[in-house]
Amino acid sequence: MGFGELFILAIGLSMDAFAVSICAGLGMTRVGFKNALVVGLYFGVFQAGMPLIGYFTATLFADRVAQYSHWIAFALLCFLGGKMMMDSFKKEQNAQSREHSLKPSSMLPLAVATSIDAFAVGVSFAFLQVNIAPAVSLIGVITLVISMVGVKIGNIFGVKFKAKAQFAGGVILVAIGLHILLGAIFSQ
């Protein structure tokens, strides 16, 4: 697999993280480099880590995890999206409470949900005998950058539209989860 193919694959893998990063940016009162970097690191590290795990466990657990991965991603994204929609109806939401979205309890499930498909990519890397270190590095860096951009884009809309934008972000998370689930069901 050449650099061009890996680059396109990395961009494709980062699209879920990009969409969820936009949602994260919707809920922030202001976004500086540090906040965008934190979100980017969560998604970048998980998008790089999951193919690495998939690569090394290629044939041991791939069938067992792959058959349930869409359900796991669906459940996580629906739960977090539903919570985001419910939070949009709260009357009083101060700036400090909006910044809690960067805590591990919020970010880890999102990072896991958006990177589960990367596990399967790692399995395929093992079968294709891809040089894993540069592949996962490229995936991680591209996801980090794209996620940081997504946070900024989401923040621009979130500041303007506040609760409506947060509700829309929750709907988007649920829609992504539903897309993952339906895609897996109809591809069988």
N, C-alpha and C. Protein backbone atom coordinates (compact mmCIF):
# COMPACT_ATOMS: atom_id res chain seq x y z
N MET A 1 0.86 -1.17 0.00
CA MET A 1 0.00 0.00 0.00
C MET A 1 0.90 1.23 0.00
N GLY A 2 0.70 2.11 -0.99
CA GLY A 2 1.53 3.29 -1.12
C GLY A 2 1.07 4.45 -0.26
N PHE A 3 1.87 5.52 -0.28
CA PHE A 3 1.57 6.70 0.53
C PHE A 3 0.23 7.31 0.14
N GLY A 4 -0.04 7.42 -1.14
CA GLY A 4 -1.30 8.01 -1.60
C GLY A 4 -2.50 7.26 -1.09
N GLU A 5 -2.43 5.94 -1.15
CA GLU A 5 -3.53 5.12 -0.66
C GLU A 5 -3.69 5.26 0.85
N LEU A 6 -2.58 5.29 1.56
CA LEU A 6 -2.65 5.47 3.02
C LEU A 6 -3.21 6.84 3.39
N PHE A 7 -2.82 7.86 2.63
CA PHE A 7 -3.30 9.21 2.88
C PHE A 7 -4.81 9.29 2.72
N ILE A 8 -5.33 8.72 1.64
CA ILE A 8 -6.77 8.72 1.40
C ILE A 8 -7.49 7.91 2.47
N LEU A 9 -6.93 6.77 2.84
CA LEU A 9 -7.50 5.96 3.90
C LEU A 9 -7.54 6.73 5.22
N ALA A 10 -6.46 7.44 5.54
CA ALA A 10 -6.41 8.21 6.79
C ALA A 10 -7.48 9.30 6.80
N ILE A 11 -7.67 9.96 5.68
CA ILE A 11 -8.71 10.99 5.61
C ILE A 11 -10.08 10.36 5.80
N GLY A 12 -10.31 9.23 5.14
CA GLY A 12 -11.59 8.54 5.30
C GLY A 12 -11.85 8.11 6.73
N LEU A 13 -10.84 7.57 7.39
CA LEU A 13 -10.99 7.16 8.78
C LEU A 13 -11.25 8.34 9.71
N SER A 14 -10.73 9.50 9.36
CA SER A 14 -10.85 10.65 10.25
C SER A 14 -12.18 11.38 10.12
N MET A 15 -13.02 11.02 9.16
CA MET A 15 -14.26 11.76 8.94
C MET A 15 -15.24 11.66 10.10
N ASP A 16 -15.37 10.50 10.73
CA ASP A 16 -16.24 10.40 11.91
C ASP A 16 -15.70 11.28 13.03
N ALA A 17 -14.39 11.26 13.22
CA ALA A 17 -13.78 12.09 14.26
C ALA A 17 -13.99 13.57 13.94
N PHE A 18 -13.91 13.93 12.67
CA PHE A 18 -14.15 15.31 12.26
C PHE A 18 -15.57 15.74 12.62
N ALA A 19 -16.55 14.91 12.29
CA ALA A 19 -17.95 15.25 12.59
C ALA A 19 -18.17 15.37 14.10
N VAL A 20 -17.61 14.46 14.86
CA VAL A 20 -17.78 14.51 16.31
C VAL A 20 -17.01 15.69 16.90
N SER A 21 -15.88 16.05 16.31
CA SER A 21 -15.12 17.23 16.76
C SER A 21 -15.93 18.51 16.55
N ILE A 22 -16.66 18.56 15.46
CA ILE A 22 -17.55 19.72 15.24
C ILE A 22 -18.56 19.78 16.38
N CYS A 23 -19.12 18.62 16.74
CA CYS A 23 -20.09 18.58 17.85
C CYS A 23 -19.45 19.01 19.16
N ALA A 24 -18.21 18.61 19.39
CA ALA A 24 -17.51 19.02 20.61
C ALA A 24 -17.31 20.53 20.62
N GLY A 25 -16.95 21.09 19.49
CA GLY A 25 -16.76 22.54 19.38
C GLY A 25 -18.05 23.31 19.60
N LEU A 26 -19.20 22.70 19.25
CA LEU A 26 -20.49 23.36 19.45
C LEU A 26 -20.73 23.66 20.92
N GLY A 27 -20.25 22.79 21.79
CA GLY A 27 -20.52 22.93 23.22
C GLY A 27 -19.48 23.73 23.99
N MET A 28 -18.54 24.35 23.31
CA MET A 28 -17.50 25.11 23.99
C MET A 28 -17.75 26.61 23.85
N THR A 29 -17.54 27.32 24.93
CA THR A 29 -17.75 28.75 24.89
C THR A 29 -16.68 29.46 24.07
N ARG A 30 -15.46 28.98 24.15
CA ARG A 30 -14.38 29.52 23.32
C ARG A 30 -13.36 28.41 23.10
N VAL A 31 -12.75 28.47 21.95
CA VAL A 31 -11.79 27.43 21.60
C VAL A 31 -10.44 28.08 21.35
N GLY A 32 -9.49 27.66 22.15
CA GLY A 32 -8.11 28.05 21.91
C GLY A 32 -7.37 26.86 21.35
N PHE A 33 -6.12 27.06 21.07
CA PHE A 33 -5.29 25.99 20.52
C PHE A 33 -5.27 24.80 21.47
N LYS A 34 -5.20 25.07 22.77
CA LYS A 34 -5.10 23.99 23.75
C LYS A 34 -6.34 23.08 23.73
N ASN A 35 -7.54 23.66 23.72
CA ASN A 35 -8.76 22.85 23.69
C ASN A 35 -8.85 22.03 22.40
N ALA A 36 -8.55 22.67 21.28
CA ALA A 36 -8.59 21.96 20.00
C ALA A 36 -7.56 20.83 19.98
N LEU A 37 -6.40 21.09 20.57
CA LEU A 37 -5.35 20.07 20.62
C LEU A 37 -5.77 18.88 21.48
N VAL A 38 -6.42 19.14 22.60
CA VAL A 38 -6.89 18.05 23.47
C VAL A 38 -7.85 17.15 22.71
N VAL A 39 -8.83 17.74 22.03
CA VAL A 39 -9.78 16.95 21.26
C VAL A 39 -9.05 16.21 20.14
N GLY A 40 -8.18 16.91 19.44
CA GLY A 40 -7.42 16.28 18.36
C GLY A 40 -6.56 15.12 18.85
N LEU A 41 -5.97 15.27 20.02
CA LEU A 41 -5.15 14.19 20.57
C LEU A 41 -5.98 12.96 20.93
N TYR A 42 -7.14 13.18 21.53
CA TYR A 42 -8.00 12.04 21.84
C TYR A 42 -8.29 11.24 20.56
N PHE A 43 -8.79 11.94 19.55
CA PHE A 43 -9.17 11.25 18.33
C PHE A 43 -7.97 10.73 17.57
N GLY A 44 -6.90 11.50 17.50
CA GLY A 44 -5.70 11.08 16.78
C GLY A 44 -5.06 9.85 17.40
N VAL A 45 -4.95 9.85 18.72
CA VAL A 45 -4.34 8.71 19.41
C VAL A 45 -5.19 7.45 19.23
N PHE A 46 -6.50 7.59 19.37
CA PHE A 46 -7.35 6.41 19.22
C PHE A 46 -7.41 5.93 17.77
N GLN A 47 -7.43 6.86 16.82
CA GLN A 47 -7.45 6.45 15.41
C GLN A 47 -6.14 5.78 15.02
N ALA A 48 -5.05 6.13 15.66
CA ALA A 48 -3.77 5.47 15.41
C ALA A 48 -3.65 4.18 16.22
N GLY A 49 -4.17 4.19 17.42
CA GLY A 49 -4.04 3.03 18.30
C GLY A 49 -4.87 1.84 17.89
N MET A 50 -6.08 2.09 17.42
CA MET A 50 -6.96 0.97 17.06
C MET A 50 -6.41 0.15 15.89
N PRO A 51 -5.88 0.75 14.83
CA PRO A 51 -5.30 -0.10 13.78
C PRO A 51 -4.09 -0.88 14.30
N LEU A 52 -3.36 -0.27 15.21
CA LEU A 52 -2.21 -0.96 15.79
C LEU A 52 -2.66 -2.20 16.56
N ILE A 53 -3.71 -2.03 17.35
CA ILE A 53 -4.27 -3.16 18.10
C ILE A 53 -4.81 -4.21 17.12
N GLY A 54 -5.53 -3.74 16.10
CA GLY A 54 -6.07 -4.66 15.11
C GLY A 54 -4.98 -5.42 14.37
N TYR A 55 -3.90 -4.73 14.10
CA TYR A 55 -2.77 -5.34 13.40
C TYR A 55 -2.19 -6.51 14.20
N PHE A 56 -2.01 -6.28 15.50
CA PHE A 56 -1.36 -7.29 16.34
C PHE A 56 -2.30 -8.40 16.81
N THR A 57 -3.59 -8.16 16.73
CA THR A 57 -4.54 -9.21 17.12
C THR A 57 -5.29 -9.74 15.90
N ALA A 58 -4.69 -9.56 14.75
CA ALA A 58 -5.34 -9.77 13.45
C ALA A 58 -6.31 -10.94 13.39
N THR A 59 -5.90 -12.10 13.68
CA THR A 59 -6.79 -13.24 13.50
C THR A 59 -7.38 -13.77 14.81
N LEU A 60 -6.87 -13.32 15.93
CA LEU A 60 -7.34 -13.86 17.20
C LEU A 60 -8.79 -13.48 17.53
N PHE A 61 -9.08 -12.17 17.43
CA PHE A 61 -10.39 -11.70 17.87
C PHE A 61 -11.16 -10.93 16.81
N ALA A 62 -10.64 -10.80 15.63
CA ALA A 62 -11.25 -9.95 14.61
C ALA A 62 -12.71 -10.30 14.33
N ASP A 63 -13.02 -11.56 14.15
CA ASP A 63 -14.39 -11.95 13.85
C ASP A 63 -15.34 -11.63 15.00
N ARG A 64 -14.89 -11.86 16.20
CA ARG A 64 -15.75 -11.62 17.37
C ARG A 64 -16.04 -10.14 17.57
N VAL A 65 -15.02 -9.29 17.42
CA VAL A 65 -15.20 -7.85 17.62
C VAL A 65 -15.93 -7.23 16.44
N ALA A 66 -15.58 -7.62 15.23
CA ALA A 66 -16.15 -7.01 14.03
C ALA A 66 -17.66 -7.18 13.98
N GLN A 67 -18.17 -8.31 14.43
CA GLN A 67 -19.61 -8.54 14.34
C GLN A 67 -20.41 -7.68 15.32
N TYR A 68 -19.77 -7.13 16.34
CA TYR A 68 -20.47 -6.30 17.31
C TYR A 68 -20.03 -4.83 17.29
N SER A 69 -19.02 -4.50 16.52
CA SER A 69 -18.46 -3.15 16.57
C SER A 69 -19.48 -2.08 16.21
N HIS A 70 -20.33 -2.35 15.25
CA HIS A 70 -21.33 -1.36 14.86
C HIS A 70 -22.34 -1.12 15.99
N TRP A 71 -22.67 -2.16 16.75
CA TRP A 71 -23.59 -1.99 17.88
C TRP A 71 -22.94 -1.17 19.00
N ILE A 72 -21.67 -1.41 19.23
CA ILE A 72 -20.94 -0.67 20.27
C ILE A 72 -20.88 0.81 19.90
N ALA A 73 -20.48 1.11 18.66
CA ALA A 73 -20.40 2.50 18.21
C ALA A 73 -21.77 3.16 18.26
N PHE A 74 -22.81 2.45 17.82
CA PHE A 74 -24.16 2.98 17.82
C PHE A 74 -24.60 3.34 19.24
N ALA A 75 -24.40 2.43 20.19
CA ALA A 75 -24.82 2.66 21.57
C ALA A 75 -24.08 3.85 22.19
N LEU A 76 -22.77 3.91 21.99
CA LEU A 76 -22.00 5.02 22.56
C LEU A 76 -22.43 6.37 21.98
N LEU A 77 -22.55 6.43 20.66
CA LEU A 77 -22.90 7.69 20.02
C LEU A 77 -24.33 8.12 20.35
N CYS A 78 -25.26 7.17 20.42
CA CYS A 78 -26.64 7.52 20.78
C CYS A 78 -26.73 8.00 22.23
N PHE A 79 -26.02 7.34 23.11
CA PHE A 79 -26.03 7.77 24.51
C PHE A 79 -25.49 9.20 24.64
N LEU A 80 -24.32 9.44 24.04
CA LEU A 80 -23.71 10.77 24.15
C LEU A 80 -24.51 11.82 23.40
N GLY A 81 -25.05 11.46 22.23
CA GLY A 81 -25.88 12.40 21.48
C GLY A 81 -27.15 12.74 22.23
N GLY A 82 -27.78 11.72 22.83
CA GLY A 82 -28.98 11.96 23.63
C GLY A 82 -28.71 12.85 24.82
N LYS A 83 -27.60 12.63 25.47
CA LYS A 83 -27.21 13.48 26.60
C LYS A 83 -27.00 14.91 26.14
N MET A 84 -26.36 15.07 24.99
CA MET A 84 -26.12 16.41 24.45
C MET A 84 -27.44 17.12 24.13
N MET A 85 -28.39 16.37 23.56
CA MET A 85 -29.70 16.97 23.25
C MET A 85 -30.42 17.36 24.53
N MET A 86 -30.38 16.50 25.55
CA MET A 86 -31.03 16.82 26.82
C MET A 86 -30.40 18.05 27.47
N ASP A 87 -29.08 18.13 27.41
CA ASP A 87 -28.39 19.27 27.99
C ASP A 87 -28.75 20.57 27.30
N SER A 88 -29.14 20.51 26.02
CA SER A 88 -29.49 21.73 25.30
C SER A 88 -30.76 22.37 25.83
N PHE A 89 -31.57 21.59 26.57
CA PHE A 89 -32.81 22.11 27.13
C PHE A 89 -32.63 22.71 28.52
N LYS A 90 -31.47 22.57 29.10
CA LYS A 90 -31.23 23.15 30.42
C LYS A 90 -31.30 24.66 30.33
N LYS A 91 -32.01 25.25 31.27
CA LYS A 91 -32.22 26.70 31.25
C LYS A 91 -30.93 27.46 31.47
N GLU A 92 -30.16 27.02 32.43
CA GLU A 92 -28.95 27.76 32.78
C GLU A 92 -27.75 26.88 32.52
N GLN A 93 -26.90 27.38 31.68
CA GLN A 93 -25.70 26.61 31.36
C GLN A 93 -24.53 27.58 31.37
N ASN A 94 -23.74 27.51 32.43
CA ASN A 94 -22.64 28.47 32.51
C ASN A 94 -21.44 27.98 31.71
N ALA A 95 -20.50 28.85 31.50
CA ALA A 95 -19.33 28.56 30.67
C ALA A 95 -18.52 27.39 31.23
N GLN A 96 -18.44 27.32 32.55
CA GLN A 96 -17.64 26.26 33.15
C GLN A 96 -18.23 24.89 32.85
N SER A 97 -19.56 24.77 32.90
CA SER A 97 -20.16 23.46 32.65
C SER A 97 -19.99 23.05 31.19
N ARG A 98 -19.92 23.99 30.29
CA ARG A 98 -19.74 23.66 28.88
C ARG A 98 -18.34 23.14 28.61
N GLU A 99 -17.37 23.53 29.39
CA GLU A 99 -16.00 23.09 29.18
C GLU A 99 -15.76 21.66 29.67
N HIS A 100 -16.70 21.08 30.38
CA HIS A 100 -16.52 19.73 30.90
C HIS A 100 -16.49 18.68 29.81
N SER A 101 -16.82 19.06 28.59
CA SER A 101 -16.82 18.10 27.50
C SER A 101 -15.43 17.56 27.20
N LEU A 102 -14.39 18.17 27.75
CA LEU A 102 -13.04 17.71 27.50
C LEU A 102 -12.56 16.70 28.55
N LYS A 103 -13.39 16.40 29.52
CA LYS A 103 -13.00 15.42 30.53
C LYS A 103 -12.97 14.03 29.90
N PRO A 104 -12.11 13.15 30.42
CA PRO A 104 -12.03 11.80 29.88
C PRO A 104 -13.37 11.07 29.86
N SER A 105 -14.24 11.32 30.85
CA SER A 105 -15.53 10.64 30.87
C SER A 105 -16.40 10.99 29.67
N SER A 106 -16.16 12.15 29.08
CA SER A 106 -16.87 12.54 27.87
C SER A 106 -16.11 12.18 26.61
N MET A 107 -14.81 12.38 26.62
CA MET A 107 -14.02 12.22 25.40
C MET A 107 -13.67 10.76 25.08
N LEU A 108 -13.41 9.94 26.09
CA LEU A 108 -13.03 8.55 25.82
C LEU A 108 -14.10 7.76 25.05
N PRO A 109 -15.37 7.83 25.48
CA PRO A 109 -16.38 7.10 24.69
C PRO A 109 -16.47 7.58 23.24
N LEU A 110 -16.34 8.89 23.04
CA LEU A 110 -16.38 9.42 21.68
C LEU A 110 -15.19 8.93 20.86
N ALA A 111 -14.02 8.94 21.47
CA ALA A 111 -12.81 8.50 20.77
C ALA A 111 -12.89 7.02 20.43
N VAL A 112 -13.42 6.21 21.35
CA VAL A 112 -13.56 4.78 21.09
C VAL A 112 -14.59 4.55 19.99
N ALA A 113 -15.74 5.22 20.10
CA ALA A 113 -16.82 5.02 19.13
C ALA A 113 -16.40 5.37 17.71
N THR A 114 -15.61 6.43 17.56
CA THR A 114 -15.22 6.85 16.22
C THR A 114 -14.03 6.07 15.68
N SER A 115 -13.39 5.27 16.51
CA SER A 115 -12.19 4.57 16.04
C SER A 115 -12.35 3.05 15.94
N ILE A 116 -13.53 2.55 16.23
CA ILE A 116 -13.73 1.10 16.18
C ILE A 116 -13.49 0.57 14.77
N ASP A 117 -13.94 1.32 13.75
CA ASP A 117 -13.72 0.85 12.38
C ASP A 117 -12.24 0.78 12.03
N ALA A 118 -11.42 1.57 12.71
CA ALA A 118 -9.98 1.55 12.47
C ALA A 118 -9.36 0.23 12.92
N PHE A 119 -10.01 -0.45 13.86
CA PHE A 119 -9.54 -1.77 14.28
C PHE A 119 -9.53 -2.73 13.09
N ALA A 120 -10.63 -2.73 12.34
CA ALA A 120 -10.73 -3.60 11.17
C ALA A 120 -9.68 -3.24 10.12
N VAL A 121 -9.38 -1.95 10.00
CA VAL A 121 -8.34 -1.51 9.07
C VAL A 121 -7.00 -2.11 9.50
N GLY A 122 -6.74 -2.12 10.79
CA GLY A 122 -5.50 -2.72 11.29
C GLY A 122 -5.40 -4.20 10.98
N VAL A 123 -6.54 -4.88 11.05
CA VAL A 123 -6.57 -6.30 10.70
C VAL A 123 -6.19 -6.46 9.23
N SER A 124 -6.77 -5.62 8.39
CA SER A 124 -6.44 -5.72 6.96
C SER A 124 -4.98 -5.35 6.70
N PHE A 125 -4.43 -4.42 7.48
CA PHE A 125 -3.01 -4.08 7.35
C PHE A 125 -2.14 -5.32 7.58
N ALA A 126 -2.52 -6.14 8.55
CA ALA A 126 -1.75 -7.34 8.84
C ALA A 126 -1.75 -8.29 7.65
N PHE A 127 -2.92 -8.47 7.05
CA PHE A 127 -3.03 -9.37 5.91
C PHE A 127 -2.33 -8.82 4.67
N LEU A 128 -2.30 -7.50 4.54
CA LEU A 128 -1.65 -6.87 3.39
C LEU A 128 -0.16 -6.62 3.63
N GLN A 129 0.30 -6.94 4.83
CA GLN A 129 1.70 -6.76 5.23
C GLN A 129 2.15 -5.30 5.06
N VAL A 130 1.31 -4.39 5.53
CA VAL A 130 1.61 -2.96 5.50
C VAL A 130 2.62 -2.66 6.60
N ASN A 131 3.56 -1.77 6.32
CA ASN A 131 4.50 -1.31 7.34
C ASN A 131 3.69 -0.48 8.35
N ILE A 132 3.45 -1.02 9.52
CA ILE A 132 2.47 -0.49 10.46
C ILE A 132 2.86 0.85 11.08
N ALA A 133 4.11 1.06 11.39
CA ALA A 133 4.51 2.30 12.08
C ALA A 133 4.19 3.55 11.26
N PRO A 134 4.61 3.65 10.01
CA PRO A 134 4.27 4.85 9.26
C PRO A 134 2.77 4.96 8.98
N ALA A 135 2.10 3.81 8.81
CA ALA A 135 0.66 3.84 8.53
C ALA A 135 -0.13 4.43 9.69
N VAL A 136 0.11 3.93 10.90
CA VAL A 136 -0.65 4.45 12.05
C VAL A 136 -0.22 5.86 12.41
N SER A 137 1.01 6.21 12.16
CA SER A 137 1.46 7.58 12.41
C SER A 137 0.73 8.55 11.50
N LEU A 138 0.62 8.21 10.23
CA LEU A 138 -0.08 9.07 9.28
C LEU A 138 -1.56 9.20 9.64
N ILE A 139 -2.18 8.09 9.98
CA ILE A 139 -3.59 8.12 10.39
C ILE A 139 -3.77 9.01 11.62
N GLY A 140 -2.90 8.86 12.60
CA GLY A 140 -3.00 9.66 13.83
C GLY A 140 -2.81 11.15 13.59
N VAL A 141 -1.82 11.51 12.80
CA VAL A 141 -1.53 12.93 12.55
C VAL A 141 -2.65 13.58 11.74
N ILE A 142 -3.11 12.90 10.71
CA ILE A 142 -4.19 13.46 9.90
C ILE A 142 -5.46 13.61 10.73
N THR A 143 -5.79 12.63 11.54
CA THR A 143 -6.98 12.73 12.39
C THR A 143 -6.83 13.86 13.40
N LEU A 144 -5.66 14.02 13.98
CA LEU A 144 -5.41 15.10 14.93
C LEU A 144 -5.68 16.46 14.28
N VAL A 145 -5.12 16.68 13.12
CA VAL A 145 -5.28 17.98 12.44
C VAL A 145 -6.73 18.21 12.03
N ILE A 146 -7.34 17.21 11.43
CA ILE A 146 -8.72 17.36 10.97
C ILE A 146 -9.67 17.57 12.16
N SER A 147 -9.41 16.91 13.26
CA SER A 147 -10.25 17.07 14.46
C SER A 147 -10.10 18.47 15.05
N MET A 148 -8.89 18.99 15.05
CA MET A 148 -8.67 20.36 15.56
C MET A 148 -9.45 21.37 14.71
N VAL A 149 -9.44 21.19 13.41
CA VAL A 149 -10.19 22.07 12.52
C VAL A 149 -11.68 21.92 12.80
N GLY A 150 -12.14 20.69 13.01
CA GLY A 150 -13.55 20.46 13.32
C GLY A 150 -14.01 21.15 14.58
N VAL A 151 -13.18 21.15 15.61
CA VAL A 151 -13.52 21.83 16.86
C VAL A 151 -13.73 23.32 16.60
N LYS A 152 -12.85 23.92 15.84
CA LYS A 152 -12.95 25.35 15.55
C LYS A 152 -14.20 25.66 14.74
N ILE A 153 -14.49 24.84 13.74
CA ILE A 153 -15.69 25.04 12.93
C ILE A 153 -16.94 24.92 13.81
N GLY A 154 -16.99 23.90 14.64
CA GLY A 154 -18.13 23.72 15.54
C GLY A 154 -18.30 24.87 16.50
N ASN A 155 -17.20 25.38 17.00
CA ASN A 155 -17.26 26.49 17.94
C ASN A 155 -17.82 27.75 17.30
N ILE A 156 -17.47 28.01 16.06
CA ILE A 156 -17.99 29.19 15.36
C ILE A 156 -19.51 29.14 15.31
N PHE A 157 -20.07 27.98 14.98
CA PHE A 157 -21.52 27.84 14.93
C PHE A 157 -22.14 27.77 16.32
N GLY A 158 -21.43 27.16 17.27
CA GLY A 158 -21.94 27.02 18.63
C GLY A 158 -22.09 28.35 19.34
N VAL A 159 -21.15 29.26 19.13
CA VAL A 159 -21.22 30.58 19.76
C VAL A 159 -22.42 31.35 19.22
N LYS A 160 -22.69 31.20 17.94
CA LYS A 160 -23.79 31.94 17.31
C LYS A 160 -25.15 31.38 17.68
N PHE A 161 -25.26 30.06 17.76
CA PHE A 161 -26.57 29.44 17.89
C PHE A 161 -26.81 28.74 19.22
N LYS A 162 -25.83 28.65 20.08
CA LYS A 162 -25.89 28.11 21.44
C LYS A 162 -26.69 26.82 21.57
N ALA A 163 -27.84 26.85 22.26
CA ALA A 163 -28.59 25.63 22.58
C ALA A 163 -29.05 24.90 21.32
N LYS A 164 -29.44 25.64 20.30
CA LYS A 164 -29.87 25.00 19.05
C LYS A 164 -28.71 24.23 18.43
N ALA A 165 -27.53 24.81 18.49
CA ALA A 165 -26.35 24.14 17.93
C ALA A 165 -26.00 22.91 18.75
N GLN A 166 -26.14 22.98 20.07
CA GLN A 166 -25.84 21.83 20.91
C GLN A 166 -26.84 20.71 20.63
N PHE A 167 -28.11 21.05 20.48
CA PHE A 167 -29.12 20.06 20.14
C PHE A 167 -28.80 19.43 18.78
N ALA A 168 -28.45 20.24 17.81
CA ALA A 168 -28.09 19.75 16.48
C ALA A 168 -26.87 18.82 16.56
N GLY A 169 -25.92 19.18 17.40
CA GLY A 169 -24.74 18.32 17.59
C GLY A 169 -25.13 16.96 18.13
N GLY A 170 -26.07 16.94 19.07
CA GLY A 170 -26.56 15.66 19.60
C GLY A 170 -27.25 14.84 18.53
N VAL A 171 -28.05 15.50 17.70
CA VAL A 171 -28.73 14.82 16.60
C VAL A 171 -27.69 14.23 15.64
N ILE A 172 -26.63 14.99 15.38
CA ILE A 172 -25.58 14.52 14.48
C ILE A 172 -24.90 13.28 15.05
N LEU A 173 -24.62 13.27 16.34
CA LEU A 173 -24.00 12.09 16.95
C LEU A 173 -24.90 10.86 16.82
N VAL A 174 -26.18 11.04 17.09
CA VAL A 174 -27.12 9.93 16.96
C VAL A 174 -27.18 9.48 15.49
N ALA A 175 -27.19 10.43 14.57
CA ALA A 175 -27.23 10.10 13.14
C ALA A 175 -25.99 9.33 12.71
N ILE A 176 -24.83 9.72 13.22
CA ILE A 176 -23.60 8.99 12.89
C ILE A 176 -23.69 7.56 13.42
N GLY A 177 -24.17 7.41 14.65
CA GLY A 177 -24.35 6.07 15.21
C GLY A 177 -25.31 5.23 14.40
N LEU A 178 -26.42 5.83 13.98
CA LEU A 178 -27.40 5.14 13.17
C LEU A 178 -26.81 4.76 11.80
N HIS A 179 -26.04 5.67 11.23
CA HIS A 179 -25.38 5.40 9.94
C HIS A 179 -24.43 4.21 10.05
N ILE A 180 -23.67 4.16 11.12
CA ILE A 180 -22.74 3.04 11.34
C ILE A 180 -23.52 1.74 11.47
N LEU A 181 -24.59 1.77 12.26
CA LEU A 181 -25.38 0.56 12.49
C LEU A 181 -26.05 0.09 11.20
N LEU A 182 -26.73 0.99 10.51
CA LEU A 182 -27.44 0.61 9.28
C LEU A 182 -26.47 0.19 8.18
N GLY A 183 -25.32 0.85 8.11
CA GLY A 183 -24.31 0.46 7.14
C GLY A 183 -23.84 -0.96 7.36
N ALA A 184 -23.66 -1.33 8.62
CA ALA A 184 -23.21 -2.69 8.94
C ALA A 184 -24.32 -3.71 8.67
N ILE A 185 -25.55 -3.35 8.99
CA ILE A 185 -26.67 -4.27 8.79
C ILE A 185 -26.92 -4.52 7.30
N PHE A 186 -26.92 -3.45 6.51
CA PHE A 186 -27.25 -3.60 5.09
C PHE A 186 -26.06 -4.09 4.25
N SER A 187 -24.88 -4.11 4.81
CA SER A 187 -23.73 -4.63 4.06
C SER A 187 -23.59 -6.14 4.22
N GLN A 188 -24.38 -6.72 5.11
CA GLN A 188 -24.29 -8.17 5.36
C GLN A 188 -25.06 -8.95 4.36
